[in-house]
Amino acid sequence: VFGAGGRMGREVCLAVASQDDMELACAVDPAYAGRLLRDIV
């Protein structure tokens, strides 16, 4: 997910993570680089 820390990006992360047949395997967002994704979403 590119733009993972944005308003829609956060929703997409949650949507992907909620699916049994999908794996949220990478998150990209220059505004939050180096931070844990769980602290943002």
PDB file of all heavy atoms in Angstrom:
ATOM      1  N   VAL A   1       0.844  -1.192   0.000  1.00  0.00           N
ATOM      2  CA  VAL A   1       0.000   0.000   0.000  1.00  0.00           C
ATOM      3  C   VAL A   1       0.881   1.243   0.000  1.00  0.00           C
ATOM      4  O   VAL A   1       1.690   1.446   0.917  1.00  0.00           O
ATOM      5  CB  VAL A   1      -0.949   0.030   1.213  1.00  0.00           C
ATOM      6  CG1 VAL A   1      -1.785   1.316   1.204  1.00  0.00           C
ATOM      7  CG2 VAL A   1      -1.865  -1.190   1.211  1.00  0.00           C
ATOM      8  N   PHE A   2       0.742   2.051  -1.039  1.00  0.00           N
ATOM      9  CA  PHE A   2       1.466   3.321  -1.142  1.00  0.00           C
ATOM     10  C   PHE A   2       0.541   4.433  -0.642  1.00  0.00           C
ATOM     11  O   PHE A   2      -0.610   4.511  -1.050  1.00  0.00           O
ATOM     12  CB  PHE A   2       1.871   3.589  -2.590  1.00  0.00           C
ATOM     13  CG  PHE A   2       2.988   2.715  -3.079  1.00  0.00           C
ATOM     14  CD1 PHE A   2       2.742   1.407  -3.478  1.00  0.00           C
ATOM     15  CD2 PHE A   2       4.297   3.194  -3.131  1.00  0.00           C
ATOM     16  CE1 PHE A   2       3.765   0.591  -3.928  1.00  0.00           C
ATOM     17  CE2 PHE A   2       5.327   2.388  -3.578  1.00  0.00           C
ATOM     18  CZ  PHE A   2       5.066   1.082  -3.970  1.00  0.00           C
ATOM     19  N   GLY A   3       1.067   5.277   0.238  1.00  0.00           N
ATOM     20  CA  GLY A   3       0.232   6.273   0.881  1.00  0.00           C
ATOM     21  C   GLY A   3      -0.479   5.663   2.079  1.00  0.00           C
ATOM     22  O   GLY A   3      -1.599   6.045   2.430  1.00  0.00           O
ATOM     23  N   ALA A   4       0.196   4.716   2.729  1.00  0.00           N
ATOM     24  CA  ALA A   4      -0.420   3.929   3.801  1.00  0.00           C
ATOM     25  C   ALA A   4      -0.872   4.763   4.986  1.00  0.00           C
ATOM     26  O   ALA A   4      -1.779   4.373   5.720  1.00  0.00           O
ATOM     27  CB  ALA A   4       0.561   2.851   4.274  1.00  0.00           C
ATOM     28  N   GLY A   5      -0.249   5.926   5.193  1.00  0.00           N
ATOM     29  CA  GLY A   5      -0.600   6.750   6.337  1.00  0.00           C
ATOM     30  C   GLY A   5      -1.697   7.757   6.069  1.00  0.00           C
ATOM     31  O   GLY A   5      -2.144   8.447   6.986  1.00  0.00           O
ATOM     32  N   GLY A   6      -2.139   7.854   4.820  1.00  0.00           N
ATOM     33  CA  GLY A   6      -3.190   8.810   4.478  1.00  0.00           C
ATOM     34  C   GLY A   6      -4.568   8.307   4.872  1.00  0.00           C
ATOM     35  O   GLY A   6      -4.742   7.166   5.308  1.00  0.00           O
ATOM     36  N   ARG A   7      -5.553   9.152   4.674  1.00  0.00           N
ATOM     37  CA  ARG A   7      -6.921   8.808   5.077  1.00  0.00           C
ATOM     38  C   ARG A   7      -7.404   7.529   4.379  1.00  0.00           C
ATOM     39  O   ARG A   7      -7.896   6.607   5.022  1.00  0.00           O
ATOM     40  CB  ARG A   7      -7.844   9.981   4.750  1.00  0.00           C
ATOM     41  CG  ARG A   7      -9.292   9.761   5.140  1.00  0.00           C
ATOM     42  CD  ARG A   7     -10.092  11.035   4.981  1.00  0.00           C
ATOM     43  NE  ARG A   7     -11.493  10.818   5.261  1.00  0.00           N
ATOM     44  CZ  ARG A   7     -12.391  11.786   5.365  1.00  0.00           C
ATOM     45  NH1 ARG A   7     -12.020  13.043   5.215  1.00  0.00           N
ATOM     46  NH2 ARG A   7     -13.655  11.515   5.597  1.00  0.00           N
ATOM     47  N   MET A   8      -7.286   7.484   3.062  1.00  0.00           N
ATOM     48  CA  MET A   8      -7.711   6.294   2.323  1.00  0.00           C
ATOM     49  C   MET A   8      -6.711   5.162   2.481  1.00  0.00           C
ATOM     50  O   MET A   8      -7.084   3.986   2.516  1.00  0.00           O
ATOM     51  CB  MET A   8      -7.907   6.626   0.841  1.00  0.00           C
ATOM     52  CG  MET A   8      -9.232   7.296   0.526  1.00  0.00           C
ATOM     53  SD  MET A   8     -10.674   6.312   1.015  1.00  0.00           S
ATOM     54  CE  MET A   8     -10.432   4.817   0.064  1.00  0.00           C
ATOM     55  N   GLY A   9      -5.425   5.496   2.564  1.00  0.00           N
ATOM     56  CA  GLY A   9      -4.394   4.466   2.715  1.00  0.00           C
ATOM     57  C   GLY A   9      -4.606   3.641   3.973  1.00  0.00           C
ATOM     58  O   GLY A   9      -4.440   2.410   3.959  1.00  0.00           O
ATOM     59  N   ARG A  10      -4.973   4.307   5.053  1.00  0.00           N
ATOM     60  CA  ARG A  10      -5.237   3.586   6.303  1.00  0.00           C
ATOM     61  C   ARG A  10      -6.415   2.635   6.150  1.00  0.00           C
ATOM     62  O   ARG A  10      -6.389   1.501   6.654  1.00  0.00           O
ATOM     63  CB  ARG A  10      -5.494   4.580   7.448  1.00  0.00           C
ATOM     64  CG  ARG A  10      -4.275   5.406   7.820  1.00  0.00           C
ATOM     65  CD  ARG A  10      -4.459   6.102   9.152  1.00  0.00           C
ATOM     66  NE  ARG A  10      -5.571   7.041   9.164  1.00  0.00           N
ATOM     67  CZ  ARG A  10      -5.493   8.329   8.850  1.00  0.00           C
ATOM     68  NH1 ARG A  10      -4.325   8.839   8.490  1.00  0.00           N
ATOM     69  NH2 ARG A  10      -6.554   9.113   8.899  1.00  0.00           N
ATOM     70  N   GLU A  11      -7.449   3.089   5.453  1.00  0.00           N
ATOM     71  CA  GLU A  11      -8.615   2.236   5.222  1.00  0.00           C
ATOM     72  C   GLU A  11      -8.256   1.016   4.372  1.00  0.00           C
ATOM     73  O   GLU A  11      -8.735  -0.093   4.613  1.00  0.00           O
ATOM     74  CB  GLU A  11      -9.729   3.037   4.540  1.00  0.00           C
ATOM     75  CG  GLU A  11     -10.355   4.111   5.402  1.00  0.00           C
ATOM     76  CD  GLU A  11     -11.062   3.533   6.619  1.00  0.00           C
ATOM     77  OE1 GLU A  11     -11.627   2.419   6.523  1.00  0.00           O
ATOM     78  OE2 GLU A  11     -11.028   4.188   7.674  1.00  0.00           O
ATOM     79  N   VAL A  12      -7.409   1.238   3.365  1.00  0.00           N
ATOM     80  CA  VAL A  12      -6.991   0.126   2.508  1.00  0.00           C
ATOM     81  C   VAL A  12      -6.185  -0.887   3.310  1.00  0.00           C
ATOM     82  O   VAL A  12      -6.362  -2.103   3.171  1.00  0.00           O
ATOM     83  CB  VAL A  12      -6.177   0.635   1.294  1.00  0.00           C
ATOM     84  CG1 VAL A  12      -5.577  -0.532   0.514  1.00  0.00           C
ATOM     85  CG2 VAL A  12      -7.063   1.469   0.379  1.00  0.00           C
ATOM     86  N   CYS A  13      -5.296  -0.392   4.173  1.00  0.00           N
ATOM     87  CA  CYS A  13      -4.512  -1.294   5.023  1.00  0.00           C
ATOM     88  C   CYS A  13      -5.422  -2.172   5.870  1.00  0.00           C
ATOM     89  O   CYS A  13      -5.222  -3.390   5.976  1.00  0.00           O
ATOM     90  CB  CYS A  13      -3.567  -0.497   5.924  1.00  0.00           C
ATOM     91  SG  CYS A  13      -2.161   0.256   5.073  1.00  0.00           S
ATOM     92  N   LEU A  14      -6.435  -1.567   6.479  1.00  0.00           N
ATOM     93  CA  LEU A  14      -7.369  -2.316   7.310  1.00  0.00           C
ATOM     94  C   LEU A  14      -8.178  -3.303   6.466  1.00  0.00           C
ATOM     95  O   LEU A  14      -8.423  -4.441   6.890  1.00  0.00           O
ATOM     96  CB  LEU A  14      -8.314  -1.359   8.046  1.00  0.00           C
ATOM     97  CG  LEU A  14      -7.676  -0.529   9.164  1.00  0.00           C
ATOM     98  CD1 LEU A  14      -8.636   0.566   9.626  1.00  0.00           C
ATOM     99  CD2 LEU A  14      -7.279  -1.416  10.339  1.00  0.00           C
ATOM    100  N   ALA A  15      -8.590  -2.878   5.270  1.00  0.00           N
ATOM    101  CA  ALA A  15      -9.380  -3.748   4.395  1.00  0.00           C
ATOM    102  C   ALA A  15      -8.578  -4.968   3.967  1.00  0.00           C
ATOM    103  O   ALA A  15      -9.075  -6.100   3.979  1.00  0.00           O
ATOM    104  CB  ALA A  15      -9.856  -2.965   3.165  1.00  0.00           C
ATOM    105  N   VAL A  16      -7.317  -4.747   3.593  1.00  0.00           N
ATOM    106  CA  VAL A  16      -6.460  -5.855   3.165  1.00  0.00           C
ATOM    107  C   VAL A  16      -6.199  -6.803   4.337  1.00  0.00           C
ATOM    108  O   VAL A  16      -6.301  -8.027   4.202  1.00  0.00           O
ATOM    109  CB  VAL A  16      -5.126  -5.326   2.595  1.00  0.00           C
ATOM    110  CG1 VAL A  16      -4.144  -6.479   2.355  1.00  0.00           C
ATOM    111  CG2 VAL A  16      -5.368  -4.575   1.284  1.00  0.00           C
ATOM    112  N   ALA A  17      -5.871  -6.236   5.486  1.00  0.00           N
ATOM    113  CA  ALA A  17      -5.537  -7.054   6.655  1.00  0.00           C
ATOM    114  C   ALA A  17      -6.721  -7.888   7.134  1.00  0.00           C
ATOM    115  O   ALA A  17      -6.536  -8.939   7.764  1.00  0.00           O
ATOM    116  CB  ALA A  17      -5.039  -6.161   7.788  1.00  0.00           C
ATOM    117  N   SER A  18      -7.940  -7.455   6.824  1.00  0.00           N
ATOM    118  CA  SER A  18      -9.128  -8.170   7.280  1.00  0.00           C
ATOM    119  C   SER A  18      -9.484  -9.371   6.402  1.00  0.00           C
ATOM    120  O   SER A  18     -10.357 -10.158   6.756  1.00  0.00           O
ATOM    121  CB  SER A  18     -10.325  -7.215   7.339  1.00  0.00           C
ATOM    122  OG  SER A  18     -10.732  -6.849   6.029  1.00  0.00           O
ATOM    123  N   GLN A  19      -8.808  -9.498   5.253  1.00  0.00           N
ATOM    124  CA  GLN A  19      -9.122 -10.573   4.314  1.00  0.00           C
ATOM    125  C   GLN A  19      -8.251 -11.805   4.574  1.00  0.00           C
ATOM    126  O   GLN A  19      -7.030 -11.690   4.730  1.00  0.00           O
ATOM    127  CB  GLN A  19      -8.910 -10.100   2.876  1.00  0.00           C
ATOM    128  CG  GLN A  19      -9.755  -8.900   2.478  1.00  0.00           C
ATOM    129  CD  GLN A  19     -11.242  -9.169   2.579  1.00  0.00           C
ATOM    130  OE1 GLN A  19     -11.730 -10.185   2.093  1.00  0.00           O
ATOM    131  NE2 GLN A  19     -11.960  -8.252   3.211  1.00  0.00           N
ATOM    132  N   ASP A  20      -8.886 -12.968   4.591  1.00  0.00           N
ATOM    133  CA  ASP A  20      -8.145 -14.206   4.833  1.00  0.00           C
ATOM    134  C   ASP A  20      -7.198 -14.560   3.694  1.00  0.00           C
ATOM    135  O   ASP A  20      -6.190 -15.226   3.910  1.00  0.00           O
ATOM    136  CB  ASP A  20      -9.119 -15.376   5.045  1.00  0.00           C
ATOM    137  CG  ASP A  20      -9.927 -15.220   6.327  1.00  0.00           C
ATOM    138  OD1 ASP A  20      -9.426 -14.533   7.249  1.00  0.00           O
ATOM    139  OD2 ASP A  20     -11.040 -15.764   6.390  1.00  0.00           O
ATOM    140  N   ASP A  21      -7.533 -14.129   2.470  1.00  0.00           N
ATOM    141  CA  ASP A  21      -6.721 -14.499   1.320  1.00  0.00           C
ATOM    142  C   ASP A  21      -5.813 -13.369   0.840  1.00  0.00           C
ATOM    143  O   ASP A  21      -5.341 -13.369  -0.286  1.00  0.00           O
ATOM    144  CB  ASP A  21      -7.608 -14.986   0.165  1.00  0.00           C
ATOM    145  CG  ASP A  21      -8.648 -13.950  -0.243  1.00  0.00           C
ATOM    146  OD1 ASP A  21      -8.757 -12.908   0.441  1.00  0.00           O
ATOM    147  OD2 ASP A  21      -9.358 -14.196  -1.236  1.00  0.00           O
ATOM    148  N   MET A  22      -5.593 -12.381   1.700  1.00  0.00           N
ATOM    149  CA  MET A  22      -4.673 -11.296   1.378  1.00  0.00           C
ATOM    150  C   MET A  22      -3.688 -11.101   2.521  1.00  0.00           C
ATOM    151  O   MET A  22      -4.006 -11.356   3.689  1.00  0.00           O
ATOM    152  CB  MET A  22      -5.407  -9.980   1.139  1.00  0.00           C
ATOM    153  CG  MET A  22      -6.308  -9.952  -0.068  1.00  0.00           C
ATOM    154  SD  MET A  22      -7.029  -8.311  -0.293  1.00  0.00           S
ATOM    155  CE  MET A  22      -8.246  -8.667  -1.557  1.00  0.00           C
ATOM    156  N   GLU A  23      -2.505 -10.637   2.168  1.00  0.00           N
ATOM    157  CA  GLU A  23      -1.483 -10.336   3.184  1.00  0.00           C
ATOM    158  C   GLU A  23      -0.956  -8.928   2.959  1.00  0.00           C
ATOM    159  O   GLU A  23      -0.464  -8.600   1.873  1.00  0.00           O
ATOM    160  CB  GLU A  23      -0.329 -11.336   3.077  1.00  0.00           C
ATOM    161  CG  GLU A  23       0.804 -11.054   4.052  1.00  0.00           C
ATOM    162  CD  GLU A  23       2.013 -11.936   3.828  1.00  0.00           C
ATOM    163  OE1 GLU A  23       1.899 -12.945   3.094  1.00  0.00           O
ATOM    164  OE2 GLU A  23       3.084 -11.606   4.374  1.00  0.00           O
ATOM    165  N   LEU A  24      -1.088  -8.093   3.959  1.00  0.00           N
ATOM    166  CA  LEU A  24      -0.515  -6.752   3.892  1.00  0.00           C
ATOM    167  C   LEU A  24       0.989  -6.900   4.120  1.00  0.00           C
ATOM    168  O   LEU A  24       1.438  -7.069   5.248  1.00  0.00           O
ATOM    169  CB  LEU A  24      -1.144  -5.856   4.956  1.00  0.00           C
ATOM    170  CG  LEU A  24      -0.673  -4.401   5.005  1.00  0.00           C
ATOM    171  CD1 LEU A  24      -0.890  -3.702   3.679  1.00  0.00           C
ATOM    172  CD2 LEU A  24      -1.374  -3.652   6.131  1.00  0.00           C
ATOM    173  N   ALA A  25       1.747  -6.853   3.041  1.00  0.00           N
ATOM    174  CA  ALA A  25       3.158  -7.216   3.112  1.00  0.00           C
ATOM    175  C   ALA A  25       4.111  -6.035   2.999  1.00  0.00           C
ATOM    176  O   ALA A  25       5.315  -6.188   3.217  1.00  0.00           O
ATOM    177  CB  ALA A  25       3.478  -8.230   2.006  1.00  0.00           C
ATOM    178  N   CYS A  26       3.599  -4.848   2.660  1.00  0.00           N
ATOM    179  CA  CYS A  26       4.478  -3.694   2.494  1.00  0.00           C
ATOM    180  C   CYS A  26       3.662  -2.416   2.620  1.00  0.00           C
ATOM    181  O   CYS A  26       2.528  -2.345   2.122  1.00  0.00           O
ATOM    182  CB  CYS A  26       5.167  -3.759   1.128  1.00  0.00           C
ATOM    183  SG  CYS A  26       6.279  -2.375   0.788  1.00  0.00           S
ATOM    184  N   ALA A  27       4.221  -1.419   3.286  1.00  0.00           N
ATOM    185  CA  ALA A  27       3.564  -0.116   3.426  1.00  0.00           C
ATOM    186  C   ALA A  27       4.575   0.979   3.096  1.00  0.00           C
ATOM    187  O   ALA A  27       5.718   0.937   3.557  1.00  0.00           O
ATOM    188  CB  ALA A  27       3.026   0.069   4.845  1.00  0.00           C
ATOM    189  N   VAL A  28       4.133   1.945   2.303  1.00  0.00           N
ATOM    190  CA  VAL A  28       5.023   3.027   1.864  1.00  0.00           C
ATOM    191  C   VAL A  28       4.341   4.372   2.113  1.00  0.00           C
ATOM    192  O   VAL A  28       3.176   4.565   1.744  1.00  0.00           O
ATOM    193  CB  VAL A  28       5.359   2.894   0.359  1.00  0.00           C
ATOM    194  CG1 VAL A  28       6.309   4.013  -0.068  1.00  0.00           C
ATOM    195  CG2 VAL A  28       5.954   1.529   0.049  1.00  0.00           C
ATOM    196  N   ASP A  29       5.069   5.283   2.752  1.00  0.00           N
ATOM    197  CA  ASP A  29       4.561   6.643   2.948  1.00  0.00           C
ATOM    198  C   ASP A  29       5.720   7.505   3.450  1.00  0.00           C
ATOM    199  O   ASP A  29       6.179   7.321   4.577  1.00  0.00           O
ATOM    200  CB  ASP A  29       3.413   6.656   3.958  1.00  0.00           C
ATOM    201  CG  ASP A  29       2.624   7.961   3.910  1.00  0.00           C
ATOM    202  OD1 ASP A  29       3.256   9.039   3.827  1.00  0.00           O
ATOM    203  OD2 ASP A  29       1.386   7.910   3.958  1.00  0.00           O
ATOM    204  N   PRO A  30       6.198   8.430   2.639  1.00  0.00           N
ATOM    205  CA  PRO A  30       7.357   9.242   3.047  1.00  0.00           C
ATOM    206  C   PRO A  30       7.117  10.056   4.312  1.00  0.00           C
ATOM    207  O   PRO A  30       8.057  10.367   5.043  1.00  0.00           O
ATOM    208  CB  PRO A  30       7.596  10.154   1.834  1.00  0.00           C
ATOM    209  CG  PRO A  30       6.344  10.101   1.038  1.00  0.00           C
ATOM    210  CD  PRO A  30       5.744   8.763   1.280  1.00  0.00           C
ATOM    211  N   ALA A  31       5.856  10.384   4.600  1.00  0.00           N
ATOM    212  CA  ALA A  31       5.552  11.185   5.786  1.00  0.00           C
ATOM    213  C   ALA A  31       5.720  10.391   7.076  1.00  0.00           C
ATOM    214  O   ALA A  31       5.846  10.982   8.155  1.00  0.00           O
ATOM    215  CB  ALA A  31       4.123  11.725   5.699  1.00  0.00           C
ATOM    216  N   TYR A  32       5.736   9.063   6.974  1.00  0.00           N
ATOM    217  CA  TYR A  32       5.824   8.213   8.161  1.00  0.00           C
ATOM    218  C   TYR A  32       6.975   7.215   8.065  1.00  0.00           C
ATOM    219  O   TYR A  32       6.970   6.191   8.739  1.00  0.00           O
ATOM    220  CB  TYR A  32       4.509   7.459   8.368  1.00  0.00           C
ATOM    221  CG  TYR A  32       3.323   8.361   8.595  1.00  0.00           C
ATOM    222  CD1 TYR A  32       2.488   8.706   7.540  1.00  0.00           C
ATOM    223  CD2 TYR A  32       3.058   8.881   9.854  1.00  0.00           C
ATOM    224  CE1 TYR A  32       1.394   9.542   7.738  1.00  0.00           C
ATOM    225  CE2 TYR A  32       1.971   9.718  10.068  1.00  0.00           C
ATOM    226  CZ  TYR A  32       1.138  10.052   9.002  1.00  0.00           C
ATOM    227  OH  TYR A  32       0.068  10.875   9.204  1.00  0.00           O
ATOM    228  N   ALA A  33       7.953   7.492   7.231  1.00  0.00           N
ATOM    229  CA  ALA A  33       9.063   6.564   7.007  1.00  0.00           C
ATOM    230  C   ALA A  33       9.755   6.180   8.303  1.00  0.00           C
ATOM    231  O   ALA A  33      10.046   7.034   9.157  1.00  0.00           O
ATOM    232  CB  ALA A  33      10.086   7.196   6.054  1.00  0.00           C
ATOM    233  N   GLY A  34       9.971   4.890   8.468  1.00  0.00           N
ATOM    234  CA  GLY A  34      10.673   4.390   9.638  1.00  0.00           C
ATOM    235  C   GLY A  34       9.783   4.082  10.828  1.00  0.00           C
ATOM    236  O   GLY A  34      10.243   3.485  11.808  1.00  0.00           O
ATOM    237  N   ARG A  35       8.523   4.450  10.765  1.00  0.00           N
ATOM    238  CA  ARG A  35       7.624   4.198  11.886  1.00  0.00           C
ATOM    239  C   ARG A  35       6.898   2.861  11.723  1.00  0.00           C
ATOM    240  O   ARG A  35       6.718   2.366  10.607  1.00  0.00           O
ATOM    241  CB  ARG A  35       6.590   5.326  12.002  1.00  0.00           C
ATOM    242  CG  ARG A  35       7.197   6.651  12.432  1.00  0.00           C
ATOM    243  CD  ARG A  35       6.137   7.708  12.630  1.00  0.00           C
ATOM    244  NE  ARG A  35       5.133   7.311  13.606  1.00  0.00           N
ATOM    245  CZ  ARG A  35       4.071   8.055  13.912  1.00  0.00           C
ATOM    246  NH1 ARG A  35       3.893   9.228  13.312  1.00  0.00           N
ATOM    247  NH2 ARG A  35       3.201   7.634  14.809  1.00  0.00           N
ATOM    248  N   LEU A  36       6.468   2.292  12.824  1.00  0.00           N
ATOM    249  CA  LEU A  36       5.671   1.069  12.771  1.00  0.00           C
ATOM    250  C   LEU A  36       4.284   1.411  12.233  1.00  0.00           C
ATOM    251  O   LEU A  36       3.647   2.381  12.666  1.00  0.00           O
ATOM    252  CB  LEU A  36       5.540   0.451  14.159  1.00  0.00           C
ATOM    253  CG  LEU A  36       6.795  -0.239  14.721  1.00  0.00           C
ATOM    254  CD1 LEU A  36       6.592  -0.562  16.197  1.00  0.00           C
ATOM    255  CD2 LEU A  36       7.102  -1.510  13.922  1.00  0.00           C
ATOM    256  N   LEU A  37       3.820   0.601  11.285  1.00  0.00           N
ATOM    257  CA  LEU A  37       2.523   0.875  10.665  1.00  0.00           C
ATOM    258  C   LEU A  37       1.389   0.809  11.687  1.00  0.00           C
ATOM    259  O   LEU A  37       0.427   1.570  11.601  1.00  0.00           O
ATOM    260  CB  LEU A  37       2.267  -0.130   9.529  1.00  0.00           C
ATOM    261  CG  LEU A  37       0.995   0.085   8.710  1.00  0.00           C
ATOM    262  CD1 LEU A  37       1.005   1.445   8.023  1.00  0.00           C
ATOM    263  CD2 LEU A  37       0.830  -1.029   7.678  1.00  0.00           C
ATOM    264  N   ARG A  38       1.517  -0.067  12.672  1.00  0.00           N
ATOM    265  CA  ARG A  38       0.447  -0.201  13.675  1.00  0.00           C
ATOM    266  C   ARG A  38       0.284   1.061  14.524  1.00  0.00           C
ATOM    267  O   ARG A  38      -0.780   1.285  15.116  1.00  0.00           O
ATOM    268  CB  ARG A  38       0.697  -1.425  14.556  1.00  0.00           C
ATOM    269  CG  ARG A  38       1.938  -1.352  15.431  1.00  0.00           C
ATOM    270  CD  ARG A  38       1.954  -2.487  16.442  1.00  0.00           C
ATOM    271  NE  ARG A  38       3.145  -2.471  17.274  1.00  0.00           N
ATOM    272  CZ  ARG A  38       4.200  -3.261  17.099  1.00  0.00           C
ATOM    273  NH1 ARG A  38       4.201  -4.150  16.100  1.00  0.00           N
ATOM    274  NH2 ARG A  38       5.245  -3.183  17.910  1.00  0.00           N
ATOM    275  N   ASP A  39       1.332   1.881  14.597  1.00  0.00           N
ATOM    276  CA  ASP A  39       1.229   3.131  15.354  1.00  0.00           C
ATOM    277  C   ASP A  39       0.504   4.215  14.560  1.00  0.00           C
ATOM    278  O   ASP A  39       0.096   5.239  15.118  1.00  0.00           O
ATOM    279  CB  ASP A  39       2.627   3.642  15.727  1.00  0.00           C
ATOM    280  CG  ASP A  39       3.333   2.725  16.721  1.00  0.00           C
ATOM    281  OD1 ASP A  39       2.627   1.952  17.405  1.00  0.00           O
ATOM    282  OD2 ASP A  39       4.574   2.774  16.793  1.00  0.00           O
ATOM    283  N   ILE A  40       0.360   3.984  13.260  1.00  0.00           N
ATOM    284  CA  ILE A  40      -0.270   4.961  12.374  1.00  0.00           C
ATOM    285  C   ILE A  40      -1.715   4.583  12.067  1.00  0.00           C
ATOM    286  O   ILE A  40      -2.575   5.447  11.902  1.00  0.00           O
ATOM    287  CB  ILE A  40       0.520   5.057  11.037  1.00  0.00           C
ATOM    288  CG1 ILE A  40       1.962   5.462  11.321  1.00  0.00           C
ATOM    289  CG2 ILE A  40      -0.136   6.035  10.067  1.00  0.00           C
ATOM    290  CD1 ILE A  40       2.884   5.218  10.148  1.00  0.00           C
ATOM    291  N   VAL A  41      -1.955   3.281  11.998  1.00  0.00           N
ATOM    292  CA  VAL A  41      -3.290   2.770  11.646  1.00  0.00           C
ATOM    293  C   VAL A  41      -3.905   2.109  12.879  1.00  0.00           C
ATOM    294  O   VAL A  41      -3.573   0.959  13.191  1.00  0.00           O
ATOM    295  CB  VAL A  41      -3.213   1.766  10.477  1.00  0.00           C
ATOM    296  CG1 VAL A  41      -4.622   1.354  10.061  1.00  0.00           C
ATOM    297  CG2 VAL A  41      -2.449   2.354   9.303  1.00  0.00           C
TER     298      VAL A  41
END
